[in-house]
Amino acid sequence: MKAEPLLNERQQVSPNAFVEFRIWRVSTPVRGSDHDFKYALAYVVNGECVLRYDNEAGKGDHRHIGDAETPYVYTTPEALLSDFWRDVEE
Protein backbone atom coordinates (compact mmCIF):
# COMPACT_ATOMS: atom_id res chain seq x y z
CA MET A 1 0.00 0.00 0.00
CA LYS A 2 1.27 3.43 -0.88
CA ALA A 3 1.11 6.29 1.60
CA GLU A 4 -2.42 7.70 1.85
CA PRO A 5 -2.47 11.50 2.10
CA LEU A 6 -4.72 12.65 4.96
CA LEU A 7 -3.84 16.34 5.16
CA ASN A 8 -1.91 18.63 2.83
CA GLU A 9 -2.68 22.22 3.69
CA ARG A 10 -1.01 25.61 3.91
CA GLN A 11 -2.59 28.45 5.92
CA GLN A 12 -1.45 32.05 5.98
CA VAL A 13 -1.54 33.13 9.64
CA SER A 14 -0.21 36.67 9.18
CA PRO A 15 1.19 38.74 6.31
CA ASN A 16 4.67 37.32 6.95
CA ALA A 17 3.91 33.85 8.37
CA PHE A 18 2.25 30.59 7.37
CA VAL A 19 1.79 27.05 8.65
CA GLU A 20 1.99 23.95 6.51
CA PHE A 21 0.55 20.54 7.43
CA ARG A 22 1.33 17.26 5.68
CA ILE A 23 0.13 13.99 7.21
CA TRP A 24 -0.01 10.57 5.54
CA ARG A 25 -1.14 7.13 6.68
CA VAL A 26 1.58 4.59 5.87
CA SER A 27 1.37 0.81 5.65
CA THR A 28 4.41 0.30 7.90
CA PRO A 29 5.76 2.71 10.52
CA VAL A 30 8.49 5.12 9.50
CA ARG A 31 11.81 3.80 10.85
CA GLY A 32 12.13 5.20 14.39
CA SER A 33 8.35 5.58 14.95
CA ASP A 34 5.82 3.02 16.17
CA HIS A 35 2.63 4.27 14.50
CA ASP A 36 1.21 4.28 10.98
CA PHE A 37 1.54 8.01 10.26
CA LYS A 38 4.18 10.07 8.49
CA TYR A 39 3.99 13.81 9.14
CA ALA A 40 5.69 17.14 8.61
CA LEU A 41 4.26 20.32 10.15
CA ALA A 42 6.01 23.67 9.83
CA TYR A 43 5.59 27.24 11.01
CA VAL A 44 7.46 29.68 8.77
CA VAL A 45 8.02 33.36 9.60
CA ASN A 46 9.74 35.76 7.20
CA GLY A 47 10.84 32.82 5.07
CA GLU A 48 12.49 30.99 8.00
CA CYS A 49 11.15 27.76 9.52
CA VAL A 50 10.96 28.53 13.24
CA LEU A 51 9.01 25.41 14.31
CA ARG A 52 8.78 21.97 12.74
CA TYR A 53 7.32 18.65 13.86
CA ASP A 54 8.24 15.57 11.85
CA ASN A 55 9.17 11.93 11.97
CA GLU A 56 12.04 11.66 9.56
CA ALA A 57 13.10 8.07 8.87
CA GLY A 58 15.71 6.99 11.40
CA LYS A 59 15.12 9.93 13.76
CA GLY A 60 11.59 9.05 14.82
CA ASP A 61 9.14 11.58 16.24
CA HIS A 62 10.70 14.94 17.10
CA ARG A 63 10.30 18.68 16.83
CA HIS A 64 12.58 21.56 15.94
CA ILE A 65 12.23 24.89 17.70
CA GLY A 66 14.71 27.21 16.07
CA ASP A 67 17.99 25.30 16.01
CA ALA A 68 17.06 22.98 18.89
CA GLU A 69 15.76 19.46 18.20
CA THR A 70 13.84 17.59 20.92
CA PRO A 71 12.00 14.25 21.02
CA TYR A 72 8.22 14.35 20.59
CA VAL A 73 5.84 11.75 22.03
CA TYR A 74 3.30 11.07 19.28
CA THR A 75 -0.14 9.81 20.34
CA THR A 76 -2.76 10.78 17.72
CA PRO A 77 -3.05 13.08 14.70
CA GLU A 78 -5.42 15.30 16.71
CA ALA A 79 -2.95 15.64 19.59
CA LEU A 80 -0.16 16.33 17.09
CA LEU A 81 -2.07 19.27 15.61
CA SER A 82 -3.05 20.55 19.07
CA ASP A 83 0.54 20.39 20.33
CA PHE A 84 1.80 22.11 17.18
CA TRP A 85 -0.72 24.98 17.49
CA ARG A 86 0.17 25.37 21.18
CA ASP A 87 3.82 25.84 20.24
CA VAL A 88 2.91 28.28 17.46
CA GLU A 89 0.99 30.39 20.00
CA GLU A 90 3.96 30.41 22.38
PDB file of N, CA and C in Angstrom:
ATOM      1  N   MET A   1       0.842  -1.187   0.000  1.00  0.00           N
ATOM      2  CA  MET A   1       0.000   0.000   0.000  1.00  0.00           C
ATOM      3  C   MET A   1       0.881   1.243   0.000  1.00  0.00           C
ATOM      4  N   LYS A   2       0.558   2.165  -0.860  1.00  0.00           N
ATOM      5  CA  LYS A   2       1.270   3.434  -0.885  1.00  0.00           C
ATOM      6  C   LYS A   2       0.786   4.305   0.275  1.00  0.00           C
ATOM      7  N   ALA A   3       1.519   5.349   0.550  1.00  0.00           N
ATOM      8  CA  ALA A   3       1.106   6.289   1.595  1.00  0.00           C
ATOM      9  C   ALA A   3      -0.202   6.956   1.168  1.00  0.00           C
ATOM     10  N   GLU A   4      -1.121   7.064   2.109  1.00  0.00           N
ATOM     11  CA  GLU A   4      -2.418   7.698   1.853  1.00  0.00           C
ATOM     12  C   GLU A   4      -2.406   9.112   2.426  1.00  0.00           C
ATOM     13  N   PRO A   5      -2.470  10.128   1.573  1.00  0.00           N
ATOM     14  CA  PRO A   5      -2.467  11.499   2.103  1.00  0.00           C
ATOM     15  C   PRO A   5      -3.744  11.778   2.900  1.00  0.00           C
ATOM     16  N   LEU A   6      -3.575  12.289   4.112  1.00  0.00           N
ATOM     17  CA  LEU A   6      -4.716  12.647   4.961  1.00  0.00           C
ATOM     18  C   LEU A   6      -4.883  14.154   5.068  1.00  0.00           C
ATOM     19  N   LEU A   7      -3.791  14.884   5.028  1.00  0.00           N
ATOM     20  CA  LEU A   7      -3.841  16.341   5.160  1.00  0.00           C
ATOM     21  C   LEU A   7      -2.658  16.935   4.411  1.00  0.00           C
ATOM     22  N   ASN A   8      -2.941  17.898   3.557  1.00  0.00           N
ATOM     23  CA  ASN A   8      -1.907  18.630   2.831  1.00  0.00           C
ATOM     24  C   ASN A   8      -2.439  20.045   2.674  1.00  0.00           C
ATOM     25  N   GLU A   9      -2.061  20.904   3.606  1.00  0.00           N
ATOM     26  CA  GLU A   9      -2.680  22.223   3.687  1.00  0.00           C
ATOM     27  C   GLU A   9      -1.668  23.283   4.091  1.00  0.00           C
ATOM     28  N   ARG A  10      -1.830  24.453   3.532  1.00  0.00           N
ATOM     29  CA  ARG A  10      -1.015  25.606   3.911  1.00  0.00           C
ATOM     30  C   ARG A  10      -1.967  26.737   4.277  1.00  0.00           C
ATOM     31  N   GLN A  11      -1.729  27.355   5.435  1.00  0.00           N
ATOM     32  CA  GLN A  11      -2.586  28.445   5.916  1.00  0.00           C
ATOM     33  C   GLN A  11      -1.722  29.667   6.210  1.00  0.00           C
ATOM     34  N   GLN A  12      -2.106  30.780   5.667  1.00  0.00           N
ATOM     35  CA  GLN A  12      -1.448  32.046   5.983  1.00  0.00           C
ATOM     36  C   GLN A  12      -1.972  32.491   7.346  1.00  0.00           C
ATOM     37  N   VAL A  13      -1.096  32.739   8.308  1.00  0.00           N
ATOM     38  CA  VAL A  13      -1.543  33.130   9.643  1.00  0.00           C
ATOM     39  C   VAL A  13      -1.278  34.604   9.929  1.00  0.00           C
ATOM     40  N   SER A  14      -0.444  35.219   9.106  1.00  0.00           N
ATOM     41  CA  SER A  14      -0.212  36.665   9.179  1.00  0.00           C
ATOM     42  C   SER A  14       0.428  37.052   7.843  1.00  0.00           C
ATOM     43  N   PRO A  15       0.590  38.348   7.589  1.00  0.00           N
ATOM     44  CA  PRO A  15       1.188  38.740   6.306  1.00  0.00           C
ATOM     45  C   PRO A  15       2.574  38.140   6.058  1.00  0.00           C
ATOM     46  N   ASN A  16       3.309  37.836   7.122  1.00  0.00           N
ATOM     47  CA  ASN A  16       4.670  37.318   6.950  1.00  0.00           C
ATOM     48  C   ASN A  16       4.868  35.898   7.493  1.00  0.00           C
ATOM     49  N   ALA A  17       3.772  35.188   7.772  1.00  0.00           N
ATOM     50  CA  ALA A  17       3.912  33.854   8.368  1.00  0.00           C
ATOM     51  C   ALA A  17       2.825  32.904   7.858  1.00  0.00           C
ATOM     52  N   PHE A  18       3.207  31.624   7.748  1.00  0.00           N
ATOM     53  CA  PHE A  18       2.245  30.594   7.372  1.00  0.00           C
ATOM     54  C   PHE A  18       2.580  29.297   8.093  1.00  0.00           C
ATOM     55  N   VAL A  19       1.581  28.404   8.144  1.00  0.00           N
ATOM     56  CA  VAL A  19       1.786  27.053   8.649  1.00  0.00           C
ATOM     57  C   VAL A  19       1.507  26.094   7.502  1.00  0.00           C
ATOM     58  N   GLU A  20       2.199  24.977   7.528  1.00  0.00           N
ATOM     59  CA  GLU A  20       1.991  23.950   6.513  1.00  0.00           C
ATOM     60  C   GLU A  20       1.860  22.609   7.216  1.00  0.00           C
ATOM     61  N   PHE A  21       0.832  21.838   6.837  1.00  0.00           N
ATOM     62  CA  PHE A  21       0.553  20.543   7.431  1.00  0.00           C
ATOM     63  C   PHE A  21       0.588  19.473   6.346  1.00  0.00           C
ATOM     64  N   ARG A  22       1.336  18.419   6.576  1.00  0.00           N
ATOM     65  CA  ARG A  22       1.330  17.255   5.685  1.00  0.00           C
ATOM     66  C   ARG A  22       1.330  16.005   6.569  1.00  0.00           C
ATOM     67  N   ILE A  23       0.265  15.221   6.439  1.00  0.00           N
ATOM     68  CA  ILE A  23       0.130  13.988   7.206  1.00  0.00           C
ATOM     69  C   ILE A  23      -0.333  12.888   6.261  1.00  0.00           C
ATOM     70  N   TRP A  24       0.337  11.735   6.342  1.00  0.00           N
ATOM     71  CA  TRP A  24      -0.008  10.567   5.544  1.00  0.00           C
ATOM     72  C   TRP A  24      -0.204   9.366   6.453  1.00  0.00           C
ATOM     73  N   ARG A  25      -1.057   8.443   6.038  1.00  0.00           N
ATOM     74  CA  ARG A  25      -1.141   7.129   6.680  1.00  0.00           C
ATOM     75  C   ARG A  25      -0.228   6.219   5.865  1.00  0.00           C
ATOM     76  N   VAL A  26       0.638   5.480   6.541  1.00  0.00           N
ATOM     77  CA  VAL A  26       1.579   4.587   5.869  1.00  0.00           C
ATOM     78  C   VAL A  26       1.290   3.144   6.260  1.00  0.00           C
ATOM     79  N   SER A  27       1.668   2.215   5.391  1.00  0.00           N
ATOM     80  CA  SER A  27       1.374   0.807   5.653  1.00  0.00           C
ATOM     81  C   SER A  27       2.286   0.215   6.718  1.00  0.00           C
ATOM     82  N   THR A  28       3.498   0.728   6.839  1.00  0.00           N
ATOM     83  CA  THR A  28       4.413   0.299   7.896  1.00  0.00           C
ATOM     84  C   THR A  28       4.989   1.549   8.544  1.00  0.00           C
ATOM     85  N   PRO A  29       5.241   1.518   9.837  1.00  0.00           N
ATOM     86  CA  PRO A  29       5.764   2.709  10.519  1.00  0.00           C
ATOM     87  C   PRO A  29       7.074   3.200   9.898  1.00  0.00           C
ATOM     88  N   VAL A  30       7.234   4.501   9.912  1.00  0.00           N
ATOM     89  CA  VAL A  30       8.488   5.119   9.498  1.00  0.00           C
ATOM     90  C   VAL A  30       9.559   4.650  10.485  1.00  0.00           C
ATOM     91  N   ARG A  31      10.728   4.281   9.977  1.00  0.00           N
ATOM     92  CA  ARG A  31      11.808   3.798  10.845  1.00  0.00           C
ATOM     93  C   ARG A  31      12.051   4.806  11.973  1.00  0.00           C
ATOM     94  N   GLY A  32      11.956   4.343  13.217  1.00  0.00           N
ATOM     95  CA  GLY A  32      12.130   5.201  14.389  1.00  0.00           C
ATOM     96  C   GLY A  32      10.818   5.582  15.048  1.00  0.00           C
ATOM     97  N   SER A  33       9.685   5.303  14.387  1.00  0.00           N
ATOM     98  CA  SER A  33       8.351   5.581  14.945  1.00  0.00           C
ATOM     99  C   SER A  33       7.612   4.263  15.100  1.00  0.00           C
ATOM    100  N   ASP A  34       6.575   4.254  15.960  1.00  0.00           N
ATOM    101  CA  ASP A  34       5.822   3.020  16.171  1.00  0.00           C
ATOM    102  C   ASP A  34       4.341   3.178  15.850  1.00  0.00           C
ATOM    103  N   HIS A  35       4.018   4.042  14.902  1.00  0.00           N
ATOM    104  CA  HIS A  35       2.629   4.274  14.497  1.00  0.00           C
ATOM    105  C   HIS A  35       2.570   4.331  12.979  1.00  0.00           C
ATOM    106  N   ASP A  36       1.363   4.347  12.431  1.00  0.00           N
ATOM    107  CA  ASP A  36       1.210   4.284  10.980  1.00  0.00           C
ATOM    108  C   ASP A  36       0.957   5.651  10.335  1.00  0.00           C
ATOM    109  N   PHE A  37       1.639   6.672  10.844  1.00  0.00           N
ATOM    110  CA  PHE A  37       1.538   8.013  10.265  1.00  0.00           C
ATOM    111  C   PHE A  37       2.917   8.572   9.953  1.00  0.00           C
ATOM    112  N   LYS A  38       3.000   9.290   8.859  1.00  0.00           N
ATOM    113  CA  LYS A  38       4.182  10.074   8.494  1.00  0.00           C
ATOM    114  C   LYS A  38       3.696  11.513   8.475  1.00  0.00           C
ATOM    115  N   TYR A  39       4.468  12.429   9.070  1.00  0.00           N
ATOM    116  CA  TYR A  39       3.992  13.811   9.143  1.00  0.00           C
ATOM    117  C   TYR A  39       5.139  14.805   9.066  1.00  0.00           C
ATOM    118  N   ALA A  40       4.763  16.004   8.633  1.00  0.00           N
ATOM    119  CA  ALA A  40       5.685  17.144   8.612  1.00  0.00           C
ATOM    120  C   ALA A  40       4.821  18.394   8.766  1.00  0.00           C
ATOM    121  N   LEU A  41       4.995  19.082   9.876  1.00  0.00           N
ATOM    122  CA  LEU A  41       4.261  20.316  10.151  1.00  0.00           C
ATOM    123  C   LEU A  41       5.280  21.422  10.337  1.00  0.00           C
ATOM    124  N   ALA A  42       5.025  22.585   9.754  1.00  0.00           N
ATOM    125  CA  ALA A  42       6.005  23.671   9.827  1.00  0.00           C
ATOM    126  C   ALA A  42       5.320  25.001  10.060  1.00  0.00           C
ATOM    127  N   TYR A  43       5.996  25.854  10.805  1.00  0.00           N
ATOM    128  CA  TYR A  43       5.592  27.242  11.012  1.00  0.00           C
ATOM    129  C   TYR A  43       6.732  28.094  10.472  1.00  0.00           C
ATOM    130  N   VAL A  44       6.436  28.898   9.465  1.00  0.00           N
ATOM    131  CA  VAL A  44       7.457  29.676   8.767  1.00  0.00           C
ATOM    132  C   VAL A  44       7.149  31.162   8.926  1.00  0.00           C
ATOM    133  N   VAL A  45       8.154  31.917   9.387  1.00  0.00           N
ATOM    134  CA  VAL A  45       8.017  33.360   9.598  1.00  0.00           C
ATOM    135  C   VAL A  45       9.140  34.055   8.826  1.00  0.00           C
ATOM    136  N   ASN A  46       8.767  35.025   8.008  1.00  0.00           N
ATOM    137  CA  ASN A  46       9.736  35.764   7.199  1.00  0.00           C
ATOM    138  C   ASN A  46      10.658  34.832   6.408  1.00  0.00           C
ATOM    139  N   GLY A  47      10.084  33.759   5.884  1.00  0.00           N
ATOM    140  CA  GLY A  47      10.839  32.816   5.074  1.00  0.00           C
ATOM    141  C   GLY A  47      11.704  31.842   5.847  1.00  0.00           C
ATOM    142  N   GLU A  48      11.659  31.878   7.176  1.00  0.00           N
ATOM    143  CA  GLU A  48      12.485  30.989   8.002  1.00  0.00           C
ATOM    144  C   GLU A  48      11.592  30.044   8.799  1.00  0.00           C
ATOM    145  N   CYS A  49      11.901  28.753   8.742  1.00  0.00           N
ATOM    146  CA  CYS A  49      11.153  27.761   9.523  1.00  0.00           C
ATOM    147  C   CYS A  49      11.573  27.895  10.989  1.00  0.00           C
ATOM    148  N   VAL A  50      10.640  28.330  11.829  1.00  0.00           N
ATOM    149  CA  VAL A  50      10.958  28.533  13.242  1.00  0.00           C
ATOM    150  C   VAL A  50      10.452  27.386  14.119  1.00  0.00           C
ATOM    151  N   LEU A  51       9.556  26.555  13.566  1.00  0.00           N
ATOM    152  CA  LEU A  51       9.014  25.414  14.307  1.00  0.00           C
ATOM    153  C   LEU A  51       8.678  24.315  13.311  1.00  0.00           C
ATOM    154  N   ARG A  52       9.100  23.098  13.610  1.00  0.00           N
ATOM    155  CA  ARG A  52       8.778  21.969  12.735  1.00  0.00           C
ATOM    156  C   ARG A  52       8.608  20.709  13.575  1.00  0.00           C
ATOM    157  N   TYR A  53       7.552  19.976  13.290  1.00  0.00           N
ATOM    158  CA  TYR A  53       7.319  18.652  13.863  1.00  0.00           C
ATOM    159  C   TYR A  53       7.425  17.671  12.711  1.00  0.00           C
ATOM    160  N   ASP A  54       8.185  16.591  12.892  1.00  0.00           N
ATOM    161  CA  ASP A  54       8.238  15.575  11.846  1.00  0.00           C
ATOM    162  C   ASP A  54       8.737  14.257  12.415  1.00  0.00           C
ATOM    163  N   ASN A  55       8.643  13.234  11.592  1.00  0.00           N
ATOM    164  CA  ASN A  55       9.171  11.930  11.974  1.00  0.00           C
ATOM    165  C   ASN A  55      10.003  11.385  10.813  1.00  0.00           C
ATOM    166  N   GLU A  56      11.079  12.046  10.591  1.00  0.00           N
ATOM    167  CA  GLU A  56      12.035  11.664   9.559  1.00  0.00           C
ATOM    168  C   GLU A  56      12.535  10.246   9.815  1.00  0.00           C
ATOM    169  N   ALA A  57      12.649   9.466   8.744  1.00  0.00           N
ATOM    170  CA  ALA A  57      13.101   8.074   8.873  1.00  0.00           C
ATOM    171  C   ALA A  57      14.440   8.014   9.603  1.00  0.00           C
ATOM    172  N   GLY A  58      14.497   7.167  10.619  1.00  0.00           N
ATOM    173  CA  GLY A  58      15.714   6.992  11.400  1.00  0.00           C
ATOM    174  C   GLY A  58      15.780   7.877  12.627  1.00  0.00           C
ATOM    175  N   LYS A  59      15.110   9.021  12.608  1.00  0.00           N
ATOM    176  CA  LYS A  59      15.119   9.925  13.764  1.00  0.00           C
ATOM    177  C   LYS A  59      13.895   9.731  14.641  1.00  0.00           C
ATOM    178  N   GLY A  60      12.822   9.210  14.070  1.00  0.00           N
ATOM    179  CA  GLY A  60      11.587   9.051  14.823  1.00  0.00           C
ATOM    180  C   GLY A  60      10.891  10.390  15.038  1.00  0.00           C
ATOM    181  N   ASP A  61       9.969  10.397  15.965  1.00  0.00           N
ATOM    182  CA  ASP A  61       9.142  11.579  16.239  1.00  0.00           C
ATOM    183  C   ASP A  61       9.955  12.628  16.984  1.00  0.00           C
ATOM    184  N   HIS A  62       9.961  13.855  16.452  1.00  0.00           N
ATOM    185  CA  HIS A  62      10.704  14.936  17.097  1.00  0.00           C
ATOM    186  C   HIS A  62      10.182  16.279  16.607  1.00  0.00           C
ATOM    187  N   ARG A  63      10.662  17.330  17.248  1.00  0.00           N
ATOM    188  CA  ARG A  63      10.303  18.682  16.830  1.00  0.00           C
ATOM    189  C   ARG A  63      11.544  19.551  16.848  1.00  0.00           C
ATOM    190  N   HIS A  64      11.503  20.570  16.024  1.00  0.00           N
ATOM    191  CA  HIS A  64      12.577  21.555  15.938  1.00  0.00           C
ATOM    192  C   HIS A  64      11.990  22.895  16.356  1.00  0.00           C
ATOM    193  N   ILE A  65      12.606  23.530  17.319  1.00  0.00           N
ATOM    194  CA  ILE A  65      12.232  24.889  17.699  1.00  0.00           C
ATOM    195  C   ILE A  65      13.495  25.709  17.503  1.00  0.00           C
ATOM    196  N   GLY A  66      13.475  26.529  16.451  1.00  0.00           N
ATOM    197  CA  GLY A  66      14.711  27.212  16.071  1.00  0.00           C
ATOM    198  C   GLY A  66      15.748  26.170  15.702  1.00  0.00           C
ATOM    199  N   ASP A  67      16.921  26.253  16.290  1.00  0.00           N
ATOM    200  CA  ASP A  67      17.995  25.299  16.010  1.00  0.00           C
ATOM    201  C   ASP A  67      17.967  24.081  16.921  1.00  0.00           C
ATOM    202  N   ALA A  68      17.106  24.082  17.932  1.00  0.00           N
ATOM    203  CA  ALA A  68      17.057  22.977  18.895  1.00  0.00           C
ATOM    204  C   ALA A  68      16.126  21.867  18.401  1.00  0.00           C
ATOM    205  N   GLU A  69      16.567  20.629  18.553  1.00  0.00           N
ATOM    206  CA  GLU A  69      15.758  19.464  18.204  1.00  0.00           C
ATOM    207  C   GLU A  69      15.496  18.662  19.474  1.00  0.00           C
ATOM    208  N   THR A  70      14.207  18.353  19.731  1.00  0.00           N
ATOM    209  CA  THR A  70      13.840  17.591  20.920  1.00  0.00           C
ATOM    210  C   THR A  70      12.917  16.440  20.531  1.00  0.00           C
ATOM    211  N   PRO A  71      12.922  15.360  21.300  1.00  0.00           N
ATOM    212  CA  PRO A  71      12.002  14.252  21.022  1.00  0.00           C
ATOM    213  C   PRO A  71      10.560  14.720  21.188  1.00  0.00           C
ATOM    214  N   TYR A  72       9.650  14.079  20.475  1.00  0.00           N
ATOM    215  CA  TYR A  72       8.222  14.349  20.593  1.00  0.00           C
ATOM    216  C   TYR A  72       7.521  13.017  20.806  1.00  0.00           C
ATOM    217  N   VAL A  73       6.610  12.968  21.760  1.00  0.00           N
ATOM    218  CA  VAL A  73       5.841  11.753  22.028  1.00  0.00           C
ATOM    219  C   VAL A  73       4.533  11.830  21.243  1.00  0.00           C
ATOM    220  N   TYR A  74       4.478  11.094  20.152  1.00  0.00           N
ATOM    221  CA  TYR A  74       3.305  11.074  19.285  1.00  0.00           C
ATOM    222  C   TYR A  74       2.237  10.167  19.890  1.00  0.00           C
ATOM    223  N   THR A  75       0.970  10.648  19.874  1.00  0.00           N
ATOM    224  CA  THR A  75      -0.137   9.808  20.341  1.00  0.00           C
ATOM    225  C   THR A  75      -1.216   9.663  19.266  1.00  0.00           C
ATOM    226  N   THR A  76      -1.718  10.793  18.749  1.00  0.00           N
ATOM    227  CA  THR A  76      -2.763  10.775  17.721  1.00  0.00           C
ATOM    228  C   THR A  76      -2.557  11.969  16.787  1.00  0.00           C
ATOM    229  N   PRO A  77      -3.142  11.909  15.585  1.00  0.00           N
ATOM    230  CA  PRO A  77      -3.052  13.084  14.703  1.00  0.00           C
ATOM    231  C   PRO A  77      -3.672  14.333  15.343  1.00  0.00           C
ATOM    232  N   GLU A  78      -4.767  14.157  16.067  1.00  0.00           N
ATOM    233  CA  GLU A  78      -5.425  15.303  16.706  1.00  0.00           C
ATOM    234  C   GLU A  78      -4.527  15.943  17.761  1.00  0.00           C
ATOM    235  N   ALA A  79      -3.871  15.117  18.574  1.00  0.00           N
ATOM    236  CA  ALA A  79      -2.954  15.640  19.588  1.00  0.00           C
ATOM    237  C   ALA A  79      -1.748  16.309  18.930  1.00  0.00           C
ATOM    238  N   LEU A  80      -1.271  15.736  17.832  1.00  0.00           N
ATOM    239  CA  LEU A  80      -0.159  16.334  17.090  1.00  0.00           C
ATOM    240  C   LEU A  80      -0.501  17.756  16.665  1.00  0.00           C
ATOM    241  N   LEU A  81      -1.658  17.940  16.052  1.00  0.00           N
ATOM    242  CA  LEU A  81      -2.072  19.273  15.610  1.00  0.00           C
ATOM    243  C   LEU A  81      -2.260  20.221  16.796  1.00  0.00           C
ATOM    244  N   SER A  82      -2.850  19.726  17.870  1.00  0.00           N
ATOM    245  CA  SER A  82      -3.052  20.546  19.068  1.00  0.00           C
ATOM    246  C   SER A  82      -1.716  20.993  19.665  1.00  0.00           C
ATOM    247  N   ASP A  83      -0.777  20.058  19.780  1.00  0.00           N
ATOM    248  CA  ASP A  83       0.544  20.386  20.326  1.00  0.00           C
ATOM    249  C   ASP A  83       1.269  21.389  19.438  1.00  0.00           C
ATOM    250  N   PHE A  84       1.165  21.196  18.131  1.00  0.00           N
ATOM    251  CA  PHE A  84       1.801  22.110  17.184  1.00  0.00           C
ATOM    252  C   PHE A  84       1.233  23.521  17.339  1.00  0.00           C
ATOM    253  N   TRP A  85      -0.102  23.661  17.350  1.00  0.00           N
ATOM    254  CA  TRP A  85      -0.717  24.982  17.492  1.00  0.00           C
ATOM    255  C   TRP A  85      -0.350  25.634  18.823  1.00  0.00           C
ATOM    256  N   ARG A  86      -0.248  24.830  19.888  1.00  0.00           N
ATOM    257  CA  ARG A  86       0.167  25.375  21.176  1.00  0.00           C
ATOM    258  C   ARG A  86       1.559  25.997  21.067  1.00  0.00           C
ATOM    259  N   ASP A  87       2.468  25.295  20.411  1.00  0.00           N
ATOM    260  CA  ASP A  87       3.822  25.841  20.242  1.00  0.00           C
ATOM    261  C   ASP A  87       3.853  27.058  19.335  1.00  0.00           C
ATOM    262  N   VAL A  88       2.996  27.089  18.318  1.00  0.00           N
ATOM    263  CA  VAL A  88       2.912  28.276  17.459  1.00  0.00           C
ATOM    264  C   VAL A  88       2.489  29.484  18.297  1.00  0.00           C
ATOM    265  N   GLU A  89       1.493  29.284  19.151  1.00  0.00           N
ATOM    266  CA  GLU A  89       0.992  30.385  19.996  1.00  0.00           C
ATOM    267  C   GLU A  89       2.047  30.899  20.942  1.00  0.00           C
ATOM    268  N   GLU A  90       2.913  29.997  21.440  1.00  0.00           N
ATOM    269  CA  GLU A  90       3.961  30.405  22.377  1.00  0.00           C
ATOM    270  C   GLU A  90       5.025  31.176  21.634  1.00  0.00           C
TER     271      GLU A  90
END
